[in-house]
Amino acid sequence: MNYNLRIMNLKKTQVTQVALSLFFVLFSLFSQAQVTSSIDSTSIKIGEQITYKIEVEADSTDLVIFPEGQTFMPLEMIESYKIDTTKQDTKFQLIKKYGLTQFDSGAYTIPRQKILIGDKTLFTDSLRVTVNPIQVDTTKQGMYDIKPLIAVEKPVSNWWKTALIVLGVLAIIAFLLYWFIWRKKPLTEDEKIAMLPPYDKAKAALKQLDDSSFLQNEELKEYYSELTFIIRRYLDEKVYDRALESTTDELITRLNLLKEGNQIDISKNDIQKLEVILRRADLVKFAKSAPDVALAELDRQTIDQEIDHVKEALPEPTEEEKLLDEKYKEEQERKQKRKKVVITVAICVFLAIATFIGFGVKYGFTYVKDTIIGHESKELLEGHWITSDYGVPPITISTPKVLKRTEIPILEETQQNTKTIGFNYGTMLDMFSVTVVTSVFEQVQQPQGQKQQQAPKIDLSMVADNVIKGMEQKGISDIFVKQDKFTTPNGAEGLKTHGTMSVPILQTENYMAANYTILHFTSQNVLQQIIITWPQNDTYADDMVDRIINSVELQPEKPETEE
């Protein structure tokens, strides 16, 4: 009897202990942290802001981390306010507010938000918001057509400075060519005399000799040298074409033969007078003879008369001879002009080659060649780049051309609850392309009382594989795949898939070797992709891709710390 009583007392004691333990556990749970959420309005207009509030009650020793970033999709967070903290006995009351909005009408559900309190994870309730379109009273407000697109002028670059320098250099070269080659230079007295007919030329040369100071200075050697040159040149041009290089004996002998052959009607007396003057000149030049000045002046008059006599003795040129002479002059002018053209072209070619070599040595011959001929990638690299935000949440990226919005196919396994926005320049089959895609996986709204279904966890490697399969479906082959971790300059971490491939050239059976880089980022229910393709062995395209990748910025997923 006593034994049974002891067993019954022991069982009562155990039940009491279990009950007390459950009570203390439940009390501990309810006495620690509590999380509530609310919004100031459940119905707003398009673009109107609502305030989403999270209230947390926790111990003073607990570390509380609130959600940050675009975790309220499909609503967009436009502002995150500071935490309001109040103390109640040994507990803290923390209030965190967010400014949310939506620019499309419809019924939306703000998903449950994750709150970290110490080593515990708590969730808020999901809330439903209705976004109403703006009602327009067409009886008071007129309806107008959509305004056409307005072309935006590109910022002015410094190309005009380069153009001015090039034009200045070309102007200087053109001026030098004109001044030294094409310009009709003022003729000197000797040049003017050389252009006269032989007779007039001889007369002008005699007058020029009269104006000289040879006789005043008794420079008889120079005087007779010039005097005999005048008569010899006239005879060379009109009578005997070797008169200038012949000796006195050879010249006189030739004149006598021409007279005897009736080729020139000149008297014996004129030939003798010429012989006397030529021999006297030889004595002055070579034997240092010194006749007086009066005799030199007399010889000058004799030469003047003999020039007249020779002219009279010469037969009049026939019309055929005159025509041949005109043709000869025209041919000489053409030769002179052709010579100037050849010299000008040679100088221009030399300057062009010298300029090309100079810039080639400094900047590289390939760069200079591409600058002169033109290169598509080089023009993109050195053009005006655009830095802009694409998608929601936004991806900030710099590109040589603005990215245009485009339709992006949705993955079959996620298309039921996915909103995808895409922007691109070019396509994978072009020489160069950039594509930015943002996909938001919406939560499926469950009936009240059931647990809300979370967005599927995104496997970046699987997404990259799907992109590669899509490339293969477009005819791209020989795809080499390499994957690395990637971190943007502002600290967002993602997956980098890159390698080489062969892209089919349109309307041909040939392929072009190309490179590709795919950047993938994810945070909770958001997938962000950047796809870049460019040809191989293109240094300008390589520089463009480096610049694009280094410009990528997005909101990184980071832990929140609040005091």
Protein backbone atom coordinates (compact mmCIF):
# COMPACT_ATOMS: atom_id res chain seq x y z
CA MET A 1 0.00 0.00 0.00
CA ASN A 2 2.74 2.45 0.94
CA TYR A 3 4.65 1.44 -2.21
CA ASN A 4 1.71 2.31 -4.51
CA LEU A 5 1.24 5.61 -2.70
CA ARG A 6 4.89 6.53 -3.30
CA ILE A 7 4.53 5.75 -7.04
CA MET A 8 1.44 7.93 -7.31
CA ASN A 9 3.16 10.84 -5.55
CA LEU A 10 6.17 10.48 -7.87
CA LYS A 11 3.96 10.65 -10.98
CA LYS A 12 2.20 13.76 -9.67
CA THR A 13 5.53 15.40 -9.09
CA GLN A 14 6.72 14.62 -12.65
CA VAL A 15 3.52 15.97 -14.21
CA THR A 16 3.86 19.14 -12.17
CA GLN A 17 7.46 19.60 -13.34
CA VAL A 18 6.53 19.10 -17.02
CA ALA A 19 3.67 21.57 -16.73
CA LEU A 20 5.91 24.14 -15.09
CA SER A 21 8.54 23.64 -17.84
CA LEU A 22 6.00 24.19 -20.62
CA PHE A 23 4.71 27.28 -18.84
CA PHE A 24 8.16 28.80 -18.53
CA VAL A 25 9.01 28.00 -22.19
CA LEU A 26 5.82 29.64 -23.46
CA PHE A 27 6.35 32.59 -21.12
CA SER A 28 9.92 32.93 -22.37
CA LEU A 29 8.79 32.96 -26.03
CA PHE A 30 6.09 35.54 -25.47
CA SER A 31 8.29 37.62 -23.20
CA GLN A 32 11.06 37.93 -25.78
CA ALA A 33 10.46 39.25 -29.30
CA GLN A 34 7.27 40.18 -31.08
CA VAL A 35 7.01 41.46 -34.72
CA THR A 36 4.08 43.25 -36.32
CA SER A 37 3.69 45.02 -39.65
CA SER A 38 1.18 47.51 -41.03
CA ILE A 39 0.59 50.04 -43.81
CA ASP A 40 -1.05 53.44 -43.57
CA SER A 41 -3.36 52.76 -46.53
CA THR A 42 -4.56 49.71 -48.43
CA SER A 43 -5.69 51.69 -51.50
CA ILE A 44 -3.56 54.26 -53.32
CA LYS A 45 -3.32 55.96 -56.71
CA ILE A 46 -0.62 55.18 -59.26
CA GLY A 47 2.71 56.59 -58.07
CA GLU A 48 1.33 57.54 -54.62
CA GLN A 49 3.51 56.61 -51.65
CA ILE A 50 2.42 54.42 -48.77
CA THR A 51 4.27 53.92 -45.49
CA TYR A 52 5.07 50.35 -44.55
CA LYS A 53 5.84 50.00 -40.80
CA ILE A 54 7.52 47.13 -38.93
CA GLU A 55 7.38 47.12 -35.11
CA VAL A 56 9.72 44.88 -33.13
CA GLU A 57 9.79 44.34 -29.37
CA ALA A 58 13.05 42.79 -28.21
CA ASP A 59 15.44 42.62 -25.29
CA SER A 60 18.10 45.30 -24.98
CA THR A 61 20.80 42.67 -25.65
CA ASP A 62 19.31 41.41 -28.95
CA LEU A 63 20.74 42.45 -32.33
CA VAL A 64 17.88 43.32 -34.70
CA ILE A 65 18.35 43.31 -38.50
CA PHE A 66 15.62 44.78 -40.70
CA PRO A 67 15.20 44.03 -44.43
CA GLU A 68 16.87 46.37 -46.92
CA GLY A 69 16.89 46.64 -50.68
CA GLN A 70 14.11 45.77 -53.11
CA THR A 71 12.52 43.05 -50.96
CA PHE A 72 9.00 44.48 -51.24
CA MET A 73 8.45 43.55 -54.89
CA PRO A 74 6.13 43.96 -56.69
CA LEU A 75 6.08 47.31 -54.88
CA GLU A 76 9.15 49.47 -55.23
CA MET A 77 10.95 50.88 -52.20
CA ILE A 78 11.72 54.55 -52.75
CA GLU A 79 12.91 55.46 -49.26
CA SER A 80 14.12 53.73 -46.09
CA TYR A 81 13.64 55.78 -42.90
CA LYS A 82 15.77 55.69 -39.77
CA ILE A 83 14.80 53.35 -36.95
CA ASP A 84 12.75 54.89 -34.13
CA THR A 85 13.73 53.33 -30.78
CA THR A 86 11.91 53.62 -27.42
CA LYS A 87 12.69 51.82 -24.17
CA GLN A 88 10.12 50.12 -21.96
CA ASP A 89 11.56 48.65 -18.76
CA THR A 90 14.09 46.02 -19.93
CA LYS A 91 12.84 45.90 -23.53
CA PHE A 92 13.22 48.06 -26.64
CA GLN A 93 10.40 49.01 -28.98
CA LEU A 94 11.91 49.40 -32.54
CA ILE A 95 9.89 50.95 -35.36
CA LYS A 96 11.22 50.81 -38.94
CA LYS A 97 9.35 52.61 -41.78
CA TYR A 98 9.66 52.32 -45.56
CA GLY A 99 8.24 54.42 -48.38
CA LEU A 100 6.72 52.18 -51.08
CA THR A 101 4.98 52.86 -54.39
CA GLN A 102 3.84 51.24 -57.65
CA PHE A 103 3.39 52.76 -61.11
CA ASP A 104 1.00 50.15 -62.54
CA SER A 105 -2.60 49.77 -61.43
CA GLY A 106 -3.80 46.49 -59.95
CA ALA A 107 -3.98 44.47 -56.72
CA TYR A 108 -0.57 43.66 -55.22
CA THR A 109 0.65 41.70 -52.22
CA ILE A 110 3.59 42.90 -50.17
CA PRO A 111 5.44 39.66 -49.35
CA ARG A 112 6.40 38.59 -45.86
CA GLN A 113 9.57 40.31 -44.64
CA LYS A 114 12.34 38.52 -42.78
CA ILE A 115 13.49 40.01 -39.46
CA LEU A 116 16.61 38.70 -37.69
CA ILE A 117 16.52 39.07 -33.88
CA GLY A 118 19.59 37.63 -32.26
CA ASP A 119 19.80 34.04 -33.48
CA LYS A 120 16.10 33.87 -34.35
CA THR A 121 14.35 34.53 -37.68
CA LEU A 122 10.83 35.94 -37.63
CA PHE A 123 8.53 36.91 -40.51
CA THR A 124 5.90 39.63 -40.86
CA ASP A 125 2.47 39.02 -42.32
CA SER A 126 1.89 39.67 -46.02
CA LEU A 127 -0.29 42.72 -46.79
CA ARG A 128 -2.50 43.47 -49.77
CA VAL A 129 -2.54 46.86 -51.53
CA THR A 130 -4.77 48.10 -54.33
CA VAL A 131 -3.30 50.59 -56.80
CA ASN A 132 -6.05 52.54 -58.54
CA PRO A 133 -5.70 54.20 -61.95
CA ILE A 134 -6.20 57.93 -62.19
CA GLN A 135 -9.69 58.75 -63.43
CA VAL A 136 -9.77 61.47 -66.07
CA ASP A 137 -12.96 63.46 -66.65
CA THR A 138 -12.86 63.91 -70.43
CA THR A 139 -15.67 66.47 -70.21
CA LYS A 140 -13.35 68.84 -68.38
CA GLN A 141 -9.95 67.58 -69.47
CA GLY A 142 -9.27 67.37 -73.19
CA MET A 143 -7.54 64.33 -74.72
CA TYR A 144 -4.49 64.89 -76.87
CA ASP A 145 -2.31 62.73 -79.09
CA ILE A 146 0.98 61.45 -77.77
CA LYS A 147 3.73 63.88 -78.58
CA PRO A 148 6.28 62.67 -81.11
CA LEU A 149 9.82 61.71 -80.13
CA ILE A 150 12.23 64.60 -79.88
CA ALA A 151 15.77 64.09 -81.10
CA VAL A 152 18.33 64.91 -78.41
CA GLU A 153 21.51 66.47 -79.63
CA LYS A 154 24.64 64.70 -78.58
CA PRO A 155 27.06 66.64 -76.38
CA VAL A 156 29.57 68.60 -78.37
CA SER A 157 32.93 66.86 -78.47
CA ASN A 158 36.38 68.28 -79.21
CA TRP A 159 36.44 66.96 -82.77
CA TRP A 160 36.41 70.52 -84.13
CA LYS A 161 39.78 71.23 -82.51
CA THR A 162 41.34 68.29 -84.33
CA ALA A 163 39.63 69.39 -87.55
CA LEU A 164 41.06 72.92 -87.16
CA ILE A 165 44.58 71.56 -86.62
CA VAL A 166 44.31 69.29 -89.69
CA LEU A 167 42.92 72.14 -91.82
CA GLY A 168 45.69 74.43 -90.60
CA VAL A 169 48.40 71.92 -91.53
CA LEU A 170 46.81 71.34 -94.95
CA ALA A 171 46.58 75.10 -95.52
CA ILE A 172 50.28 75.55 -94.72
CA ILE A 173 51.25 72.70 -97.06
CA ALA A 174 49.02 74.10 -99.83
CA PHE A 175 50.54 77.56 -99.40
CA LEU A 176 54.08 76.20 -99.59
CA LEU A 177 53.27 74.21 -102.73
CA TYR A 178 51.69 77.25 -104.35
CA TRP A 179 54.50 79.62 -103.36
CA PHE A 180 57.41 77.47 -104.43
CA ILE A 181 55.94 75.46 -107.34
CA TRP A 182 52.74 76.77 -108.89
CA ARG A 183 53.07 80.51 -108.35
CA LYS A 184 54.27 82.55 -111.32
CA LYS A 185 57.30 84.14 -109.75
CA PRO A 186 58.35 87.65 -110.78
CA LEU A 187 61.01 87.30 -113.50
CA THR A 188 64.49 88.69 -113.06
CA GLU A 189 66.07 90.75 -115.81
CA ASP A 190 68.05 87.75 -117.04
CA GLU A 191 64.90 85.59 -117.10
CA LYS A 192 62.98 88.26 -118.98
CA ILE A 193 65.77 88.48 -121.56
CA ALA A 194 65.94 84.67 -121.86
CA MET A 195 62.25 84.54 -122.81
CA LEU A 196 62.66 87.01 -125.73
CA PRO A 197 63.17 85.92 -129.35
CA PRO A 198 66.89 85.50 -130.29
CA TYR A 199 67.23 88.88 -132.00
CA ASP A 200 65.47 90.84 -129.27
CA LYS A 201 67.34 88.85 -126.69
CA ALA A 202 70.69 89.86 -128.23
CA LYS A 203 69.68 93.53 -128.41
CA ALA A 204 68.50 93.55 -124.81
CA ALA A 205 71.71 91.85 -123.68
CA LEU A 206 73.78 94.58 -125.45
CA LYS A 207 71.77 97.29 -123.70
CA GLN A 208 72.30 95.52 -120.38
CA LEU A 209 76.03 95.41 -121.14
CA ASP A 210 75.98 99.19 -121.77
CA ASP A 211 74.47 99.70 -118.33
CA SER A 212 77.19 97.68 -116.65
CA SER A 213 80.30 99.21 -115.07
CA PHE A 214 82.84 96.98 -116.82
CA LEU A 215 84.34 99.77 -118.95
CA GLN A 216 84.30 102.36 -116.16
CA ASN A 217 86.26 99.94 -113.99
CA GLU A 218 88.41 98.87 -116.98
CA GLU A 219 87.30 95.26 -116.51
CA LEU A 220 87.97 94.45 -120.16
CA LYS A 221 88.16 90.67 -119.69
CA GLU A 222 84.62 90.53 -118.27
CA TYR A 223 83.43 93.03 -120.90
CA TYR A 224 84.73 91.04 -123.88
CA SER A 225 83.54 87.75 -122.36
CA GLU A 226 79.96 89.07 -122.17
CA LEU A 227 80.20 90.72 -125.63
CA THR A 228 81.36 87.57 -127.41
CA PHE A 229 78.81 85.44 -125.49
CA ILE A 230 76.00 87.66 -126.88
CA ILE A 231 77.03 87.19 -130.53
CA ARG A 232 77.85 83.50 -130.08
CA ARG A 233 74.45 82.79 -128.44
CA TYR A 234 72.65 84.59 -131.26
CA LEU A 235 74.56 82.58 -133.88
CA ASP A 236 73.92 79.38 -131.88
CA GLU A 237 70.16 79.96 -131.91
CA LYS A 238 69.82 81.18 -135.51
CA VAL A 239 72.80 79.97 -137.60
CA TYR A 240 74.99 77.25 -136.11
CA ASP A 241 73.74 75.25 -133.11
CA ARG A 242 77.28 74.60 -131.79
CA ALA A 243 78.50 78.18 -131.85
CA LEU A 244 78.76 78.46 -128.06
CA GLU A 245 81.09 75.48 -127.67
CA SER A 246 83.19 76.04 -130.81
CA THR A 247 86.59 77.79 -130.90
CA THR A 248 87.02 80.95 -132.92
CA ASP A 249 88.63 79.06 -135.82
CA GLU A 250 85.85 76.43 -135.83
CA LEU A 251 83.13 79.08 -135.80
CA ILE A 252 84.61 81.17 -138.60
CA THR A 253 85.23 78.10 -140.71
CA ARG A 254 81.61 77.04 -140.22
CA LEU A 255 80.31 80.48 -141.24
CA ASN A 256 82.36 80.41 -144.45
CA LEU A 257 81.05 76.96 -145.30
CA LEU A 258 77.46 78.10 -144.76
CA LYS A 259 78.06 81.10 -147.02
CA GLU A 260 79.62 78.98 -149.74
CA GLY A 261 76.72 76.56 -149.52
CA ASN A 262 74.24 79.43 -149.87
CA GLN A 263 72.63 78.50 -146.55
CA ILE A 264 73.19 82.01 -145.21
CA ASP A 265 73.49 85.25 -147.17
CA ILE A 266 76.22 86.95 -145.14
CA SER A 267 79.12 88.90 -146.69
CA LYS A 268 82.80 88.07 -146.40
CA ASN A 269 83.32 91.48 -144.78
CA ASP A 270 80.88 90.67 -141.98
CA ILE A 271 82.61 87.34 -141.34
CA GLN A 272 86.01 89.09 -141.21
CA LYS A 273 84.73 91.71 -138.74
CA LEU A 274 83.38 88.96 -136.49
CA GLU A 275 86.68 87.09 -136.71
CA VAL A 276 88.69 90.20 -135.70
CA ILE A 277 86.51 90.85 -132.63
CA LEU A 278 86.50 87.18 -131.56
CA ARG A 279 90.29 86.91 -131.80
CA ARG A 280 90.76 90.16 -129.89
CA ALA A 281 88.49 88.82 -127.19
CA ASP A 282 90.59 85.62 -127.03
CA LEU A 283 93.70 87.70 -126.50
CA VAL A 284 92.05 89.70 -123.74
CA LYS A 285 90.74 86.58 -121.99
CA PHE A 286 93.74 84.28 -122.38
CA ALA A 287 96.80 86.48 -123.22
CA LYS A 288 95.92 89.33 -120.87
CA SER A 289 95.88 91.83 -123.75
CA ALA A 290 94.61 95.30 -122.81
CA PRO A 291 93.07 97.31 -125.66
CA ASP A 292 91.83 100.79 -124.76
CA VAL A 293 88.24 101.51 -123.82
CA ALA A 294 87.48 103.33 -127.08
CA LEU A 295 88.33 100.21 -129.09
CA ALA A 296 86.11 98.12 -126.83
CA GLU A 297 83.22 100.52 -127.44
CA LEU A 298 83.85 100.31 -131.17
CA ASP A 299 83.77 96.51 -131.04
CA ARG A 300 80.45 96.73 -129.23
CA GLN A 301 78.96 98.82 -132.07
CA THR A 302 80.36 96.41 -134.62
CA ILE A 303 78.68 93.44 -132.88
CA ASP A 304 75.40 95.37 -132.82
CA GLN A 305 75.64 95.93 -136.58
CA GLU A 306 76.60 92.32 -137.28
CA ILE A 307 73.56 91.09 -135.39
CA ASP A 308 71.43 93.19 -137.73
CA HIS A 309 73.30 91.89 -140.77
CA VAL A 310 72.89 88.27 -139.72
CA LYS A 311 69.16 88.81 -139.16
CA GLU A 312 68.85 90.30 -142.66
CA ALA A 313 70.84 87.43 -144.15
CA LEU A 314 68.62 84.78 -142.63
CA PRO A 315 65.62 83.61 -144.69
CA GLU A 316 62.13 84.32 -143.35
CA PRO A 317 60.66 81.32 -141.50
CA THR A 318 57.95 79.46 -143.36
CA GLU A 319 54.46 78.95 -141.97
CA GLU A 320 55.35 75.35 -141.28
CA GLU A 321 58.41 76.42 -139.29
CA LYS A 322 56.33 78.94 -137.37
CA LEU A 323 53.75 76.20 -136.60
CA LEU A 324 56.48 73.82 -135.44
CA ASP A 325 57.86 76.57 -133.25
CA GLU A 326 54.44 77.13 -131.63
CA LYS A 327 54.04 73.41 -131.05
CA TYR A 328 57.48 73.33 -129.52
CA LYS A 329 56.55 76.13 -127.13
CA GLU A 330 53.28 74.39 -126.17
CA GLU A 331 55.14 71.13 -125.58
CA GLN A 332 57.63 72.95 -123.40
CA GLU A 333 54.77 74.47 -121.38
CA ARG A 334 53.13 71.05 -120.99
CA LYS A 335 56.42 69.55 -119.84
CA GLN A 336 56.81 72.34 -117.32
CA LYS A 337 53.28 71.84 -116.01
CA ARG A 338 53.71 68.06 -115.89
CA LYS A 339 56.92 68.57 -113.96
CA LYS A 340 55.09 70.73 -111.41
CA VAL A 341 52.34 68.10 -111.04
CA VAL A 342 54.89 65.32 -110.50
CA ILE A 343 56.75 67.41 -107.92
CA THR A 344 53.49 68.27 -106.12
CA VAL A 345 52.31 64.65 -106.02
CA ALA A 346 55.73 63.48 -104.85
CA ILE A 347 55.74 66.05 -102.03
CA CYS A 348 52.19 65.13 -100.97
CA VAL A 349 52.99 61.41 -100.98
CA PHE A 350 56.16 62.03 -99.00
CA LEU A 351 54.29 64.13 -96.43
CA ALA A 352 51.53 61.51 -96.15
CA ILE A 353 54.03 58.68 -95.65
CA ALA A 354 56.07 60.74 -93.19
CA THR A 355 52.94 61.65 -91.22
CA PHE A 356 51.74 58.04 -91.17
CA ILE A 357 55.14 56.81 -89.97
CA GLY A 358 55.37 59.54 -87.33
CA PHE A 359 51.93 58.86 -85.85
CA GLY A 360 52.47 55.12 -86.28
CA VAL A 361 55.65 55.21 -84.19
CA LYS A 362 53.88 57.21 -81.47
CA TYR A 363 50.40 55.62 -81.40
CA GLY A 364 50.87 52.34 -83.30
CA PHE A 365 50.41 51.68 -87.01
CA THR A 366 47.19 49.69 -86.54
CA TYR A 367 45.60 52.52 -84.56
CA VAL A 368 46.59 55.11 -87.20
CA LYS A 369 45.30 52.88 -90.01
CA ASP A 370 41.97 52.35 -88.25
CA THR A 371 41.70 56.10 -87.61
CA ILE A 372 42.19 56.90 -91.29
CA ILE A 373 40.15 54.07 -92.79
CA GLY A 374 37.64 53.75 -89.94
CA HIS A 375 36.83 50.92 -87.52
CA GLU A 376 33.39 50.21 -86.03
CA SER A 377 34.67 49.13 -82.60
CA LYS A 378 37.09 52.07 -82.40
CA GLU A 379 34.30 54.53 -83.18
CA LEU A 380 32.16 52.98 -80.42
CA LEU A 381 35.02 53.01 -77.92
CA GLU A 382 35.94 56.66 -78.56
CA GLY A 383 32.35 57.90 -78.94
CA HIS A 384 30.08 59.45 -76.31
CA TRP A 385 29.18 56.78 -73.73
CA ILE A 386 25.88 56.57 -71.87
CA THR A 387 25.62 55.77 -68.15
CA SER A 388 22.08 54.83 -67.11
CA ASP A 389 19.96 52.62 -64.84
CA TYR A 390 18.05 49.71 -66.35
CA GLY A 391 15.32 47.59 -64.76
CA VAL A 392 13.82 47.44 -61.27
CA PRO A 393 15.78 47.01 -59.09
CA PRO A 394 18.14 49.06 -61.28
CA ILE A 395 21.43 47.99 -62.82
CA THR A 396 23.76 50.94 -63.41
CA ILE A 397 25.97 50.39 -66.45
CA SER A 398 27.96 52.48 -68.98
CA THR A 399 27.64 51.54 -72.67
CA PRO A 400 28.78 53.13 -75.96
CA LYS A 401 25.12 53.33 -77.05
CA VAL A 402 21.90 53.62 -75.08
CA LEU A 403 20.19 50.26 -74.50
CA LYS A 404 16.69 49.93 -75.93
CA ARG A 405 13.89 48.06 -74.22
CA THR A 406 13.15 44.69 -75.82
CA GLU A 407 11.04 41.59 -75.28
CA ILE A 408 12.90 38.84 -73.41
CA PRO A 409 11.65 35.21 -73.45
CA ILE A 410 10.76 33.85 -70.01
CA LEU A 411 12.02 30.53 -68.66
CA GLU A 412 9.28 27.90 -68.88
CA GLU A 413 9.72 26.68 -65.35
CA THR A 414 9.21 30.17 -63.87
CA GLN A 415 7.04 31.99 -66.37
CA GLN A 416 3.88 31.67 -64.26
CA ASN A 417 5.16 34.09 -61.59
CA THR A 418 7.91 36.07 -63.31
CA LYS A 419 8.11 39.68 -64.52
CA THR A 420 11.03 40.19 -66.92
CA ILE A 421 12.38 43.45 -68.34
CA GLY A 422 15.14 43.48 -70.96
CA PHE A 423 17.29 46.14 -72.63
CA ASN A 424 19.85 45.61 -75.37
CA TYR A 425 22.11 47.03 -78.07
CA GLY A 426 22.69 44.66 -80.98
CA THR A 427 22.17 40.90 -80.87
CA MET A 428 24.39 37.88 -80.30
CA LEU A 429 24.70 37.48 -84.07
CA ASP A 430 26.08 41.01 -84.47
CA MET A 431 29.70 42.07 -84.18
CA PHE A 432 29.05 43.59 -80.72
CA SER A 433 26.08 43.34 -78.34
CA VAL A 434 25.08 44.22 -74.76
CA THR A 435 21.94 42.88 -73.08
CA VAL A 436 20.62 43.64 -69.57
CA VAL A 437 17.79 41.51 -68.16
CA THR A 438 16.02 41.80 -64.80
CA SER A 439 13.60 39.06 -63.67
CA VAL A 440 11.43 39.35 -60.55
CA PHE A 441 9.87 36.14 -59.19
CA GLU A 442 6.58 37.06 -57.54
CA GLN A 443 5.20 35.14 -54.62
CA VAL A 444 1.99 33.17 -55.22
CA GLN A 445 -0.83 34.58 -53.11
CA GLN A 446 -2.34 31.76 -51.02
CA PRO A 447 -5.80 31.79 -49.44
CA GLN A 448 -5.97 33.29 -46.00
CA GLY A 449 -4.86 30.88 -43.34
CA GLN A 450 -2.45 29.00 -45.59
CA LYS A 451 1.30 29.48 -45.53
CA GLN A 452 2.53 31.85 -48.24
CA GLN A 453 4.65 30.21 -50.96
CA GLN A 454 8.11 31.69 -51.19
CA ALA A 455 9.82 32.55 -54.50
CA PRO A 456 12.01 29.68 -55.73
CA LYS A 457 15.67 29.77 -54.85
CA ILE A 458 17.67 30.85 -57.88
CA ASP A 459 20.58 28.64 -58.98
CA LEU A 460 22.90 30.92 -60.98
CA SER A 461 24.78 27.99 -62.52
CA MET A 462 21.52 26.56 -63.83
CA VAL A 463 20.51 29.98 -65.21
CA ALA A 464 23.90 30.26 -66.98
CA ASP A 465 23.38 26.81 -68.49
CA ASN A 466 19.98 27.90 -69.83
CA VAL A 467 21.56 30.98 -71.44
CA ILE A 468 24.18 28.79 -73.10
CA LYS A 469 21.42 26.48 -74.40
CA GLY A 470 19.62 29.51 -75.80
CA MET A 471 22.81 30.55 -77.61
CA GLU A 472 23.10 27.08 -79.14
CA GLN A 473 19.50 27.29 -80.35
CA LYS A 474 20.45 30.43 -82.28
CA GLY A 475 23.09 28.50 -84.24
CA ILE A 476 26.09 29.46 -82.12
CA SER A 477 28.55 26.56 -81.82
CA ASP A 478 31.90 25.61 -80.27
CA ILE A 479 30.97 27.32 -77.01
CA PHE A 480 33.76 27.11 -74.43
CA VAL A 481 32.47 27.77 -70.89
CA LYS A 482 34.38 29.02 -67.87
CA GLN A 483 32.87 30.27 -64.61
CA ASP A 484 34.30 32.47 -61.86
CA LYS A 485 33.01 34.45 -58.95
CA PHE A 486 32.53 38.13 -59.77
CA THR A 487 32.31 41.23 -57.59
CA THR A 488 31.23 44.63 -58.87
CA PRO A 489 33.16 47.79 -57.91
CA ASN A 490 30.47 48.58 -55.29
CA GLY A 491 30.70 45.12 -53.71
CA ALA A 492 27.81 43.15 -55.24
CA GLU A 493 28.73 39.48 -55.68
CA GLY A 494 27.62 37.31 -58.56
CA LEU A 495 28.65 34.66 -61.08
CA LYS A 496 30.72 35.36 -64.20
CA THR A 497 30.35 32.94 -67.11
CA HIS A 498 32.70 33.63 -70.01
CA GLY A 499 34.53 31.99 -72.89
CA THR A 500 34.70 31.76 -76.68
CA MET A 501 32.25 30.71 -79.37
CA SER A 502 31.67 30.57 -83.13
CA VAL A 503 28.89 32.85 -84.37
CA PRO A 504 27.27 32.17 -87.78
CA ILE A 505 27.62 34.99 -90.30
CA LEU A 506 24.22 35.85 -91.70
CA GLN A 507 23.38 34.66 -95.23
CA THR A 508 26.61 32.65 -95.39
CA GLU A 509 27.87 29.27 -94.22
CA ASN A 510 30.88 30.81 -92.48
CA TYR A 511 31.42 31.39 -88.78
CA MET A 512 33.10 34.21 -86.88
CA ALA A 513 35.20 33.65 -83.77
CA ALA A 514 33.78 35.64 -80.84
CA ASN A 515 33.99 36.09 -77.06
CA TYR A 516 31.16 36.32 -74.54
CA THR A 517 30.73 37.27 -70.90
CA ILE A 518 27.58 36.71 -68.83
CA LEU A 519 27.20 38.28 -65.37
CA HIS A 520 24.51 36.92 -63.05
CA PHE A 521 23.36 38.44 -59.76
CA THR A 522 20.54 37.41 -57.44
CA SER A 523 19.00 38.67 -54.22
CA GLN A 524 15.97 36.90 -52.76
CA ASN A 525 13.35 36.99 -55.55
CA VAL A 526 15.36 39.00 -58.15
CA LEU A 527 17.60 37.71 -60.95
CA GLN A 528 19.78 40.20 -62.87
CA GLN A 529 21.76 39.30 -66.01
CA ILE A 530 24.25 41.16 -68.21
CA ILE A 531 25.23 39.45 -71.49
CA ILE A 532 28.06 40.87 -73.66
CA THR A 533 29.35 39.43 -76.95
CA TRP A 534 32.18 40.77 -79.12
CA PRO A 535 34.55 39.52 -81.87
CA GLN A 536 37.91 38.00 -81.12
CA ASN A 537 41.20 39.73 -81.98
CA ASP A 538 39.59 43.17 -81.60
CA THR A 539 41.54 45.24 -79.08
CA TYR A 540 39.02 48.08 -79.21
CA ALA A 541 36.17 45.68 -78.37
CA ASP A 542 38.27 44.20 -75.53
CA ASP A 543 38.72 47.70 -74.08
CA MET A 544 34.99 48.37 -74.44
CA VAL A 545 34.05 45.20 -72.56
CA ASP A 546 36.51 45.97 -69.73
CA ARG A 547 35.03 49.45 -69.44
CA ILE A 548 31.45 48.12 -69.42
CA ILE A 549 32.16 45.43 -66.80
CA ASN A 550 34.02 47.87 -64.55
CA SER A 551 31.03 50.25 -64.67
CA VAL A 552 28.44 47.72 -63.43
CA GLU A 553 26.85 48.71 -60.12
CA LEU A 554 23.82 47.33 -58.29
CA GLN A 555 22.48 47.09 -54.77
CA PRO A 556 24.55 44.33 -53.10
CA GLU A 557 22.98 41.87 -50.68
CA LYS A 558 24.54 42.73 -47.35
CA PRO A 559 23.66 42.15 -43.70
CA GLU A 560 21.93 45.00 -41.91
CA THR A 561 23.18 46.06 -38.49
CA GLU A 562 21.11 48.29 -36.28
CA GLU A 563 21.76 49.36 -32.78
